[in-house]
N, C-alpha and C. Protein backbone atom coordinates (compact mmCIF):
# COMPACT_ATOMS: atom_id res chain seq x y z
N MET A 1 14.81 11.39 18.22
CA MET A 1 15.68 10.40 18.66
C MET A 1 17.12 11.81 18.77
N ASN A 2 17.37 11.95 20.39
CA ASN A 2 18.88 12.64 20.30
C ASN A 2 19.58 11.98 19.43
N VAL A 3 20.79 12.80 19.21
CA VAL A 3 22.31 12.23 18.51
C VAL A 3 23.50 13.11 19.35
N GLY A 4 23.67 12.79 20.41
CA GLY A 4 24.86 13.61 20.82
C GLY A 4 23.96 14.41 21.87
N THR A 5 24.99 15.80 22.59
CA THR A 5 23.95 16.96 23.06
C THR A 5 23.11 17.94 22.57
N ASP A 6 23.97 18.14 21.20
CA ASP A 6 23.09 19.46 20.66
C ASP A 6 22.56 19.11 18.86
N GLY A 7 22.18 17.26 18.87
CA GLY A 7 21.39 17.23 17.32
C GLY A 7 20.28 16.44 17.70
N LEU A 8 19.05 16.56 16.69
CA LEU A 8 18.02 15.12 16.82
C LEU A 8 17.79 14.84 15.58
N ALA A 9 18.09 13.46 15.13
CA ALA A 9 17.01 13.12 13.84
C ALA A 9 15.92 12.10 14.26
N TYR A 10 14.84 12.98 12.96
CA TYR A 10 13.36 12.40 13.35
C TYR A 10 13.37 12.07 11.79
N LEU A 11 12.01 11.32 11.66
CA LEU A 11 11.40 10.17 10.98
C LEU A 11 9.79 10.85 10.72
N LYS A 12 9.24 10.89 9.79
CA LYS A 12 7.69 11.51 9.16
C LYS A 12 7.34 10.58 8.24
N VAL A 13 6.64 10.62 8.96
CA VAL A 13 5.20 9.43 8.11
C VAL A 13 3.22 10.26 7.79
N GLY A 14 3.42 10.15 6.67
CA GLY A 14 1.86 11.55 6.43
C GLY A 14 0.94 10.49 5.49
N TYR A 15 0.43 10.88 5.68
CA TYR A 15 -0.86 11.68 3.97
C TYR A 15 -0.94 12.68 3.31
N LYS A 16 -1.27 12.26 1.81
CA LYS A 16 -1.31 13.48 1.12
C LYS A 16 -1.95 13.96 0.01
N GLY A 17 -2.65 15.28 0.28
CA GLY A 17 -4.38 14.92 -0.70
C GLY A 17 -3.62 16.15 -1.77
N ALA A 18 -4.17 16.13 -3.26
CA ALA A 18 -3.75 17.59 -3.99
C ALA A 18 -5.07 17.05 -4.53
N SER A 19 -5.80 18.98 -5.85
CA SER A 19 -5.89 18.54 -6.34
C SER A 19 -5.73 19.88 -7.55
N VAL A 20 -5.96 18.92 -9.00
CA VAL A 20 -5.52 19.58 -9.98
C VAL A 20 -6.45 19.97 -10.90
N LYS A 21 -6.44 21.22 -11.22
CA LYS A 21 -7.32 21.33 -12.14
C LYS A 21 -7.21 22.05 -13.48
N SER A 22 -7.62 21.82 -14.55
CA SER A 22 -6.89 22.56 -15.81
C SER A 22 -8.40 22.86 -16.37
N SER A 23 -8.19 24.06 -17.51
CA SER A 23 -9.40 24.17 -18.90
C SER A 23 -8.83 24.86 -19.50
N GLN A 24 -9.31 24.09 -21.15
CA GLN A 24 -9.36 25.19 -21.95
C GLN A 24 -10.88 25.66 -22.64
N GLY A 25 -10.42 26.61 -23.09
CA GLY A 25 -11.72 27.00 -24.06
C GLY A 25 -13.11 26.89 -22.83
N SER A 26 -14.05 25.60 -23.31
CA SER A 26 -15.38 25.02 -22.85
C SER A 26 -14.71 23.89 -21.75
N ALA A 27 -13.68 23.72 -21.98
CA ALA A 27 -13.50 21.84 -22.06
C ALA A 27 -12.61 22.17 -20.34
N SER A 28 -12.93 21.66 -19.07
CA SER A 28 -12.32 21.70 -18.14
C SER A 28 -12.49 20.16 -17.52
N ALA A 29 -10.73 19.80 -16.79
CA ALA A 29 -10.64 18.63 -15.81
C ALA A 29 -10.19 18.60 -15.06
N THR A 30 -10.70 17.94 -14.01
CA THR A 30 -10.35 17.69 -12.09
C THR A 30 -9.88 16.64 -11.97
N GLU A 31 -8.20 16.62 -11.18
CA GLU A 31 -7.65 15.29 -11.17
C GLU A 31 -7.43 15.33 -9.30
N ASN A 32 -8.10 14.71 -8.86
CA ASN A 32 -8.02 14.68 -6.97
C ASN A 32 -7.27 13.17 -7.02
N LEU A 33 -5.73 13.64 -6.38
CA LEU A 33 -5.17 12.71 -6.04
C LEU A 33 -5.06 12.52 -4.33
N SER A 34 -4.48 11.83 -3.98
CA SER A 34 -3.91 11.07 -2.93
C SER A 34 -2.98 9.97 -2.46
N GLY A 35 -2.59 9.98 -1.46
CA GLY A 35 -1.26 9.11 -1.24
C GLY A 35 -0.65 9.28 0.02
N TYR A 36 1.04 8.64 0.20
CA TYR A 36 1.23 8.88 1.55
C TYR A 36 2.33 9.16 1.74
N SER A 37 3.53 10.33 2.18
CA SER A 37 4.98 10.74 2.48
C SER A 37 5.39 9.98 3.14
N LEU A 38 6.40 9.97 3.01
CA LEU A 38 7.67 9.68 4.35
C LEU A 38 8.68 10.16 4.10
N GLY A 39 9.74 10.77 5.50
CA GLY A 39 10.58 11.79 5.20
C GLY A 39 11.81 11.32 6.39
N VAL A 40 13.19 11.61 6.70
CA VAL A 40 13.84 11.50 7.43
C VAL A 40 14.65 13.35 7.25
N GLY A 41 15.20 13.90 8.59
CA GLY A 41 15.76 14.45 9.03
C GLY A 41 16.53 14.52 9.90
N TYR A 42 17.52 15.73 9.66
CA TYR A 42 18.59 15.95 11.23
C TYR A 42 18.60 17.15 11.65
N LYS A 43 18.51 17.64 12.89
CA LYS A 43 18.82 19.40 13.25
C LYS A 43 20.11 19.13 14.31
N GLN A 44 20.49 19.79 13.57
CA GLN A 44 21.85 20.30 15.17
C GLN A 44 22.17 22.39 15.31
N PHE A 45 22.06 21.74 16.62
CA PHE A 45 21.46 23.07 17.07
C PHE A 45 23.22 23.93 17.39
N PHE A 46 23.15 24.50 16.98
CA PHE A 46 24.07 25.75 17.48
C PHE A 46 24.61 26.66 18.92
N SER A 47 24.10 27.68 18.93
CA SER A 47 24.46 28.35 20.06
C SER A 47 22.74 29.17 20.39
N GLY A 48 21.79 28.90 21.71
CA GLY A 48 20.87 29.41 21.67
C GLY A 48 19.77 29.61 20.62
N ASN A 49 19.27 30.03 19.60
CA ASN A 49 17.79 29.48 19.07
C ASN A 49 18.44 29.47 17.29
N TRP A 50 19.90 29.47 17.51
CA TRP A 50 20.12 28.93 16.08
C TRP A 50 20.39 27.39 15.81
N TYR A 51 20.10 27.55 14.95
CA TYR A 51 19.91 25.99 14.24
C TYR A 51 20.04 25.33 12.98
N GLY A 52 20.60 24.43 12.74
CA GLY A 52 20.18 24.01 10.93
C GLY A 52 20.24 22.94 10.90
N PHE A 53 19.33 22.36 9.98
CA PHE A 53 18.67 21.17 9.63
C PHE A 53 18.34 20.88 8.14
N GLY A 54 18.61 19.82 7.47
CA GLY A 54 18.67 18.36 6.58
C GLY A 54 17.23 18.10 6.80
N GLU A 55 17.04 17.64 5.48
CA GLU A 55 15.63 16.64 5.19
C GLU A 55 15.51 16.18 4.03
N ALA A 56 14.93 14.89 3.78
CA ALA A 56 14.70 14.66 2.32
C ALA A 56 13.34 14.29 2.54
N ASN A 57 12.13 13.95 2.09
CA ASN A 57 11.51 13.73 2.02
C ASN A 57 10.62 12.34 0.48
N TYR A 58 10.16 11.89 0.65
CA TYR A 58 9.48 11.08 -0.50
C TYR A 58 7.83 11.49 -0.78
N PHE A 59 7.67 11.33 -1.31
CA PHE A 59 5.65 11.60 -1.63
C PHE A 59 5.72 10.52 -2.81
N SER A 60 4.32 10.05 -2.65
CA SER A 60 3.53 8.95 -3.78
C SER A 60 2.23 9.34 -3.81
N TYR A 61 1.80 9.94 -4.72
CA TYR A 61 0.25 10.31 -5.03
C TYR A 61 -0.24 8.51 -6.15
N GLY A 62 -0.24 7.55 -5.36
CA GLY A 62 -0.21 6.34 -6.52
C GLY A 62 -2.61 6.71 -6.60
N ASN A 63 -2.99 7.29 -5.95
CA ASN A 63 -4.72 7.03 -6.10
C ASN A 63 -5.15 8.43 -6.84
N SER A 64 -6.01 7.73 -7.87
CA SER A 64 -6.57 9.30 -8.28
C SER A 64 -7.75 9.76 -9.07
N VAL A 65 -8.44 10.24 -8.97
CA VAL A 65 -10.11 10.19 -9.65
C VAL A 65 -9.76 11.12 -10.35
N HIS A 66 -9.82 11.00 -11.30
CA HIS A 66 -10.02 12.17 -13.02
C HIS A 66 -11.83 12.50 -13.37
N ASN A 67 -12.16 13.72 -13.12
CA ASN A 67 -13.19 14.36 -13.89
C ASN A 67 -12.99 15.57 -15.34
N GLN A 68 -14.02 14.92 -16.10
CA GLN A 68 -13.64 15.86 -17.31
C GLN A 68 -14.98 16.12 -17.71
N SER A 69 -15.11 17.37 -18.39
CA SER A 69 -16.32 17.86 -19.03
C SER A 69 -16.21 18.92 -19.75
N ALA A 70 -17.01 19.25 -20.36
CA ALA A 70 -16.93 20.22 -21.75
C ALA A 70 -18.55 20.94 -22.04
N THR A 71 -18.26 22.08 -22.36
CA THR A 71 -19.87 22.23 -22.84
C THR A 71 -20.13 22.94 -24.05
N SER A 72 -20.92 22.49 -24.92
CA SER A 72 -21.43 22.73 -26.05
C SER A 72 -22.97 22.98 -26.34
N GLY A 73 -22.99 25.08 -26.35
CA GLY A 73 -24.24 25.42 -26.13
C GLY A 73 -24.46 25.56 -24.98
N THR A 74 -25.99 24.67 -24.31
CA THR A 74 -26.43 25.01 -23.59
C THR A 74 -26.39 23.67 -22.95
N ARG A 75 -25.46 22.38 -23.40
CA ARG A 75 -25.41 21.50 -22.46
C ARG A 75 -23.89 21.23 -21.91
N THR A 76 -24.07 20.00 -21.06
CA THR A 76 -22.99 19.98 -20.08
C THR A 76 -22.93 18.15 -20.32
N LEU A 77 -21.57 18.15 -21.25
CA LEU A 77 -21.40 17.12 -21.77
C LEU A 77 -20.47 16.10 -20.78
N SER A 78 -20.41 15.17 -19.82
CA SER A 78 -19.74 14.90 -18.62
C SER A 78 -18.95 13.10 -18.86
């Protein structure tokens, strides 16, 4: 959406995914996260190719899957 002759306001909606891995000794854990993102921003053009912008984003990682395992000798526990 144009704001005046040199400004632009915008909204963003998206899907986000992340994988978090940790390990300590022979134990390790993995957590896969997924969710959505929302954002709003404004871009102001000054002259030529020069511009400035501000943006705010919100991320929600409401869904997660957690996997954990440990190794003892030659056995793997899950």
